[in-house]
Amino acid sequence: MPMMPFRLLAVCLLLALAACVGGGPKLSAVFMKPGASVDTLVNAYRRQAGLNTLSRNASLDAAAGAHARDLASRGALSHKGADGSDHSARAVRAGYGPFVVENAAAGQKSVAEVMRGFVGSGEHRRNLEMDPATHYGFAQAAAPGTKYKNFYVLVIGRPPPEGDYVVRKASPGLSLSTLTDIF
């Protein structure tokens, strides 16, 4: 009889663990392919969520690339750039506009692993589901001598509505709140 409380505790722990593992949206088979492209993964997820697909954008690639390289050079994961910039300022600096969201990751070994992590995180998943959105940019930077080894940045956005002002080539340290203050 003394084993009964132990077995009950073990069953409860297994049920709790199963509830944690089973959470989040079900992913299509494409997410299990280690070599799948970011375009395939982003758009497969958005289609599965009932959203439009996105086109890759060179300006957002540039913003993502600059931030991924910055993270790799510092060996740290952050949404804030070494110059104090945020994702909106980096997108403006790259010539796109401030209507963007950013997902950053570090340490994963494949884009599929990165995307599974994004989908499994509420805030990152909301960014993947940005609506309306039309474009994305993505970059990976390797830093073999750091703890994480690989840094990834995904930027999703939409162009500003017709007639909105866009600041081009923003100065370092410019943030969305600074942009709002300007206008």
C-alpha atoms as a PDB file:
ATOM      1  CA  MET A   1       0.000   0.000   0.000  1.00  0.00           C
ATOM      2  CA  PRO A   2       2.789   2.573   0.582  1.00  0.00           C
ATOM      3  CA  MET A   3       3.479   2.550  -3.204  1.00  0.00           C
ATOM      4  CA  MET A   4      -0.026   3.875  -4.003  1.00  0.00           C
ATOM      5  CA  PRO A   5       0.740   7.590  -3.269  1.00  0.00           C
ATOM      6  CA  PHE A   6       3.950   7.308  -5.304  1.00  0.00           C
ATOM      7  CA  ARG A   7       2.093   5.851  -8.306  1.00  0.00           C
ATOM      8  CA  LEU A   8      -0.602   8.502  -8.043  1.00  0.00           C
ATOM      9  CA  LEU A   9       2.061  11.209  -7.972  1.00  0.00           C
ATOM     10  CA  ALA A  10       3.822   9.640 -10.982  1.00  0.00           C
ATOM     11  CA  VAL A  11       0.567   9.507 -12.984  1.00  0.00           C
ATOM     12  CA  CYS A  12      -0.211  13.147 -12.135  1.00  0.00           C
ATOM     13  CA  LEU A  13       3.263  14.241 -13.201  1.00  0.00           C
ATOM     14  CA  LEU A  14       2.991  12.351 -16.498  1.00  0.00           C
ATOM     15  CA  LEU A  15      -0.403  13.923 -17.218  1.00  0.00           C
ATOM     16  CA  ALA A  16       0.953  17.383 -16.454  1.00  0.00           C
ATOM     17  CA  LEU A  17       3.936  16.783 -18.730  1.00  0.00           C
ATOM     18  CA  ALA A  18       1.681  15.532 -21.538  1.00  0.00           C
ATOM     19  CA  ALA A  19      -0.446  18.681 -21.258  1.00  0.00           C
ATOM     20  CA  CYS A  20       2.655  20.866 -21.646  1.00  0.00           C
ATOM     21  CA  VAL A  21       3.969  18.967 -24.655  1.00  0.00           C
ATOM     22  CA  GLY A  22       0.618  18.862 -26.439  1.00  0.00           C
ATOM     23  CA  GLY A  23       0.030  22.629 -26.350  1.00  0.00           C
ATOM     24  CA  GLY A  24       0.230  24.981 -29.314  1.00  0.00           C
ATOM     25  CA  PRO A  25      -0.889  24.556 -32.884  1.00  0.00           C
ATOM     26  CA  LYS A  26      -0.329  21.329 -34.773  1.00  0.00           C
ATOM     27  CA  LEU A  27       2.438  21.732 -37.333  1.00  0.00           C
ATOM     28  CA  SER A  28       2.372  20.380 -40.854  1.00  0.00           C
ATOM     29  CA  ALA A  29       4.949  17.805 -41.957  1.00  0.00           C
ATOM     30  CA  VAL A  30       7.020  20.528 -43.638  1.00  0.00           C
ATOM     31  CA  PHE A  31       8.164  21.700 -40.179  1.00  0.00           C
ATOM     32  CA  MET A  32       9.863  18.385 -39.581  1.00  0.00           C
ATOM     33  CA  LYS A  33      12.174  18.704 -42.623  1.00  0.00           C
ATOM     34  CA  PRO A  34      15.531  20.068 -41.400  1.00  0.00           C
ATOM     35  CA  GLY A  35      16.448  21.439 -44.840  1.00  0.00           C
ATOM     36  CA  ALA A  36      13.187  23.299 -45.498  1.00  0.00           C
ATOM     37  CA  SER A  37      13.609  26.903 -46.634  1.00  0.00           C
ATOM     38  CA  VAL A  38      12.466  29.847 -44.545  1.00  0.00           C
ATOM     39  CA  ASP A  39      10.056  30.814 -47.352  1.00  0.00           C
ATOM     40  CA  THR A  40       8.461  27.365 -47.283  1.00  0.00           C
ATOM     41  CA  LEU A  41       8.194  27.364 -43.482  1.00  0.00           C
ATOM     42  CA  VAL A  42       6.876  30.910 -43.008  1.00  0.00           C
ATOM     43  CA  ASN A  43       4.288  30.575 -45.752  1.00  0.00           C
ATOM     44  CA  ALA A  44       3.240  27.030 -44.783  1.00  0.00           C
ATOM     45  CA  TYR A  45       2.552  28.272 -41.260  1.00  0.00           C
ATOM     46  CA  ARG A  46       0.656  31.357 -42.462  1.00  0.00           C
ATOM     47  CA  ARG A  47      -1.487  29.270 -44.855  1.00  0.00           C
ATOM     48  CA  GLN A  48      -2.223  26.828 -42.021  1.00  0.00           C
ATOM     49  CA  ALA A  49      -3.303  29.807 -39.862  1.00  0.00           C
ATOM     50  CA  GLY A  50      -5.630  31.052 -42.639  1.00  0.00           C
ATOM     51  CA  LEU A  51      -3.438  34.065 -43.506  1.00  0.00           C
ATOM     52  CA  ASN A  52      -1.979  35.354 -46.762  1.00  0.00           C
ATOM     53  CA  THR A  53       1.494  34.280 -47.803  1.00  0.00           C
ATOM     54  CA  LEU A  54       4.423  36.708 -47.720  1.00  0.00           C
ATOM     55  CA  SER A  55       6.978  37.738 -50.334  1.00  0.00           C
ATOM     56  CA  ARG A  56      10.633  38.029 -49.487  1.00  0.00           C
ATOM     57  CA  ASN A  57      11.797  41.649 -49.427  1.00  0.00           C
ATOM     58  CA  ALA A  58      15.399  42.805 -49.974  1.00  0.00           C
ATOM     59  CA  SER A  59      15.068  45.747 -47.554  1.00  0.00           C
ATOM     60  CA  LEU A  60      13.756  43.488 -44.784  1.00  0.00           C
ATOM     61  CA  ASP A  61      16.520  40.984 -45.596  1.00  0.00           C
ATOM     62  CA  ALA A  62      18.995  43.844 -45.101  1.00  0.00           C
ATOM     63  CA  ALA A  63      17.426  44.826 -41.754  1.00  0.00           C
ATOM     64  CA  ALA A  64      17.411  41.197 -40.576  1.00  0.00           C
ATOM     65  CA  GLY A  65      20.976  40.680 -41.795  1.00  0.00           C
ATOM     66  CA  ALA A  66      22.328  43.762 -40.056  1.00  0.00           C
ATOM     67  CA  HIS A  67      20.748  42.716 -36.769  1.00  0.00           C
ATOM     68  CA  ALA A  68      21.817  39.049 -37.071  1.00  0.00           C
ATOM     69  CA  ARG A  69      25.420  40.147 -37.675  1.00  0.00           C
ATOM     70  CA  ASP A  70      25.204  42.577 -34.752  1.00  0.00           C
ATOM     71  CA  LEU A  71      23.947  39.810 -32.443  1.00  0.00           C
ATOM     72  CA  ALA A  72      26.663  37.428 -33.650  1.00  0.00           C
ATOM     73  CA  SER A  73      29.378  40.035 -33.107  1.00  0.00           C
ATOM     74  CA  ARG A  74      28.184  40.512 -29.524  1.00  0.00           C
ATOM     75  CA  GLY A  75      27.430  36.830 -28.897  1.00  0.00           C
ATOM     76  CA  ALA A  76      24.129  37.825 -27.290  1.00  0.00           C
ATOM     77  CA  LEU A  77      20.438  37.534 -28.114  1.00  0.00           C
ATOM     78  CA  SER A  78      18.493  40.807 -27.909  1.00  0.00           C
ATOM     79  CA  HIS A  79      15.932  42.834 -29.828  1.00  0.00           C
ATOM     80  CA  LYS A  80      17.952  45.962 -29.102  1.00  0.00           C
ATOM     81  CA  GLY A  81      20.852  46.717 -31.416  1.00  0.00           C
ATOM     82  CA  ALA A  82      24.312  47.626 -30.159  1.00  0.00           C
ATOM     83  CA  ASP A  83      23.504  51.197 -31.265  1.00  0.00           C
ATOM     84  CA  GLY A  84      20.262  51.211 -29.234  1.00  0.00           C
ATOM     85  CA  SER A  85      18.014  50.696 -32.281  1.00  0.00           C
ATOM     86  CA  ASP A  86      14.830  48.656 -32.252  1.00  0.00           C
ATOM     87  CA  HIS A  87      13.358  46.576 -35.086  1.00  0.00           C
ATOM     88  CA  SER A  88      11.319  49.468 -36.507  1.00  0.00           C
ATOM     89  CA  ALA A  89      14.321  51.779 -36.713  1.00  0.00           C
ATOM     90  CA  ARG A  90      16.388  49.070 -38.409  1.00  0.00           C
ATOM     91  CA  ALA A  91      13.649  48.505 -41.008  1.00  0.00           C
ATOM     92  CA  VAL A  92      13.423  52.251 -41.676  1.00  0.00           C
ATOM     93  CA  ARG A  93      17.221  52.464 -41.935  1.00  0.00           C
ATOM     94  CA  ALA A  94      17.128  49.668 -44.523  1.00  0.00           C
ATOM     95  CA  GLY A  95      14.553  51.639 -46.540  1.00  0.00           C
ATOM     96  CA  TYR A  96      11.362  49.746 -45.715  1.00  0.00           C
ATOM     97  CA  GLY A  97       9.217  51.485 -43.122  1.00  0.00           C
ATOM     98  CA  PRO A  98       8.323  51.151 -39.460  1.00  0.00           C
ATOM     99  CA  PHE A  99       5.387  48.725 -39.702  1.00  0.00           C
ATOM    100  CA  VAL A 100       7.312  45.575 -38.778  1.00  0.00           C
ATOM    101  CA  VAL A 101       7.646  42.894 -36.124  1.00  0.00           C
ATOM    102  CA  GLU A 102      10.778  40.892 -35.372  1.00  0.00           C
ATOM    103  CA  ASN A 103      11.572  37.407 -34.165  1.00  0.00           C
ATOM    104  CA  ALA A 104      15.124  36.603 -33.108  1.00  0.00           C
ATOM    105  CA  ALA A 105      16.587  33.269 -32.096  1.00  0.00           C
ATOM    106  CA  ALA A 106      19.979  31.815 -31.274  1.00  0.00           C
ATOM    107  CA  GLY A 107      21.518  28.393 -30.870  1.00  0.00           C
ATOM    108  CA  GLN A 108      19.344  26.349 -33.212  1.00  0.00           C
ATOM    109  CA  LYS A 109      20.970  24.237 -35.909  1.00  0.00           C
ATOM    110  CA  SER A 110      18.384  24.616 -38.692  1.00  0.00           C
ATOM    111  CA  VAL A 111      15.749  27.025 -39.944  1.00  0.00           C
ATOM    112  CA  ALA A 112      13.099  24.358 -39.259  1.00  0.00           C
ATOM    113  CA  GLU A 113      14.229  24.231 -35.622  1.00  0.00           C
ATOM    114  CA  VAL A 114      14.035  28.033 -35.433  1.00  0.00           C
ATOM    115  CA  MET A 115      10.518  28.095 -36.877  1.00  0.00           C
ATOM    116  CA  ARG A 116       9.321  25.348 -34.521  1.00  0.00           C
ATOM    117  CA  GLY A 117      10.582  27.512 -31.661  1.00  0.00           C
ATOM    118  CA  PHE A 118       8.794  30.589 -33.013  1.00  0.00           C
ATOM    119  CA  VAL A 119       5.515  28.697 -33.410  1.00  0.00           C
ATOM    120  CA  GLY A 120       5.874  27.287 -29.891  1.00  0.00           C
ATOM    121  CA  SER A 121       6.223  30.756 -28.329  1.00  0.00           C
ATOM    122  CA  GLY A 122       3.071  32.870 -27.972  1.00  0.00           C
ATOM    123  CA  GLU A 123       4.694  36.227 -28.731  1.00  0.00           C
ATOM    124  CA  HIS A 124       6.742  34.907 -31.650  1.00  0.00           C
ATOM    125  CA  ARG A 125       3.677  33.103 -33.027  1.00  0.00           C
ATOM    126  CA  ARG A 126       1.670  36.369 -32.878  1.00  0.00           C
ATOM    127  CA  ASN A 127       4.445  38.026 -34.877  1.00  0.00           C
ATOM    128  CA  LEU A 128       4.266  35.243 -37.496  1.00  0.00           C
ATOM    129  CA  GLU A 129       0.535  35.933 -37.694  1.00  0.00           C
ATOM    130  CA  MET A 130       0.912  39.701 -38.242  1.00  0.00           C
ATOM    131  CA  ASP A 131      -2.092  40.783 -40.276  1.00  0.00           C
ATOM    132  CA  PRO A 132      -2.004  42.631 -42.538  1.00  0.00           C
ATOM    133  CA  ALA A 133       1.501  41.732 -43.626  1.00  0.00           C
ATOM    134  CA  THR A 134       2.948  41.397 -47.109  1.00  0.00           C
ATOM    135  CA  HIS A 135       6.701  40.886 -46.786  1.00  0.00           C
ATOM    136  CA  TYR A 136       9.393  39.204 -44.754  1.00  0.00           C
ATOM    137  CA  GLY A 137      13.148  39.270 -44.502  1.00  0.00           C
ATOM    138  CA  PHE A 138      15.376  36.661 -42.908  1.00  0.00           C
ATOM    139  CA  ALA A 139      19.035  36.268 -42.051  1.00  0.00           C
ATOM    140  CA  GLN A 140      21.331  33.908 -40.230  1.00  0.00           C
ATOM    141  CA  ALA A 141      24.751  34.842 -38.886  1.00  0.00           C
ATOM    142  CA  ALA A 142      27.275  32.312 -37.645  1.00  0.00           C
ATOM    143  CA  ALA A 143      29.513  33.005 -34.670  1.00  0.00           C
ATOM    144  CA  PRO A 144      31.338  29.741 -33.933  1.00  0.00           C
ATOM    145  CA  GLY A 145      33.258  31.163 -30.981  1.00  0.00           C
ATOM    146  CA  THR A 146      30.124  32.134 -29.052  1.00  0.00           C
ATOM    147  CA  LYS A 147      27.793  30.234 -26.738  1.00  0.00           C
ATOM    148  CA  TYR A 148      24.976  30.172 -29.339  1.00  0.00           C
ATOM    149  CA  LYS A 149      27.009  29.608 -32.541  1.00  0.00           C
ATOM    150  CA  ASN A 150      24.093  30.692 -34.806  1.00  0.00           C
ATOM    151  CA  PHE A 151      21.853  33.771 -34.727  1.00  0.00           C
ATOM    152  CA  TYR A 152      18.621  34.133 -36.710  1.00  0.00           C
ATOM    153  CA  VAL A 153      16.405  37.157 -37.341  1.00  0.00           C
ATOM    154  CA  LEU A 154      13.003  37.166 -39.075  1.00  0.00           C
ATOM    155  CA  VAL A 155      11.358  40.519 -39.823  1.00  0.00           C
ATOM    156  CA  ILE A 156       7.742  40.610 -41.042  1.00  0.00           C
ATOM    157  CA  GLY A 157       6.086  43.795 -42.228  1.00  0.00           C
ATOM    158  CA  ARG A 158       3.846  45.766 -44.460  1.00  0.00           C
ATOM    159  CA  PRO A 159       4.564  48.961 -46.344  1.00  0.00           C
ATOM    160  CA  PRO A 160       3.165  52.145 -44.835  1.00  0.00           C
ATOM    161  CA  PRO A 161      -0.360  53.058 -45.954  1.00  0.00           C
ATOM    162  CA  GLU A 162      -0.573  55.478 -48.863  1.00  0.00           C
ATOM    163  CA  GLY A 163       0.243  58.995 -47.729  1.00  0.00           C
ATOM    164  CA  ASP A 164       2.134  58.040 -44.561  1.00  0.00           C
ATOM    165  CA  TYR A 165       5.507  59.631 -43.998  1.00  0.00           C
ATOM    166  CA  VAL A 166       8.496  57.346 -43.964  1.00  0.00           C
ATOM    167  CA  VAL A 167      11.845  58.413 -42.567  1.00  0.00           C
ATOM    168  CA  ARG A 168      14.635  57.008 -44.743  1.00  0.00           C
ATOM    169  CA  LYS A 169      18.100  56.165 -43.471  1.00  0.00           C
ATOM    170  CA  ALA A 170      17.243  56.746 -39.821  1.00  0.00           C
ATOM    171  CA  SER A 171      20.066  57.629 -37.499  1.00  0.00           C
ATOM    172  CA  PRO A 172      21.399  55.004 -35.072  1.00  0.00           C
ATOM    173  CA  GLY A 173      19.424  54.852 -31.861  1.00  0.00           C
ATOM    174  CA  LEU A 174      16.193  55.984 -33.529  1.00  0.00           C
ATOM    175  CA  SER A 175      13.203  54.062 -32.203  1.00  0.00           C
ATOM    176  CA  LEU A 176       9.535  53.916 -33.157  1.00  0.00           C
ATOM    177  CA  SER A 177       8.687  56.191 -30.225  1.00  0.00           C
ATOM    178  CA  THR A 178      11.190  58.737 -31.596  1.00  0.00           C
ATOM    179  CA  LEU A 179       9.537  58.472 -35.017  1.00  0.00           C
ATOM    180  CA  THR A 180       6.135  59.128 -33.430  1.00  0.00           C
ATOM    181  CA  ASP A 181       7.548  62.188 -31.675  1.00  0.00           C
ATOM    182  CA  ILE A 182       8.904  63.528 -34.983  1.00  0.00           C
ATOM    183  CA  PHE A 183       5.491  63.497 -36.622  1.00  0.00           C
END
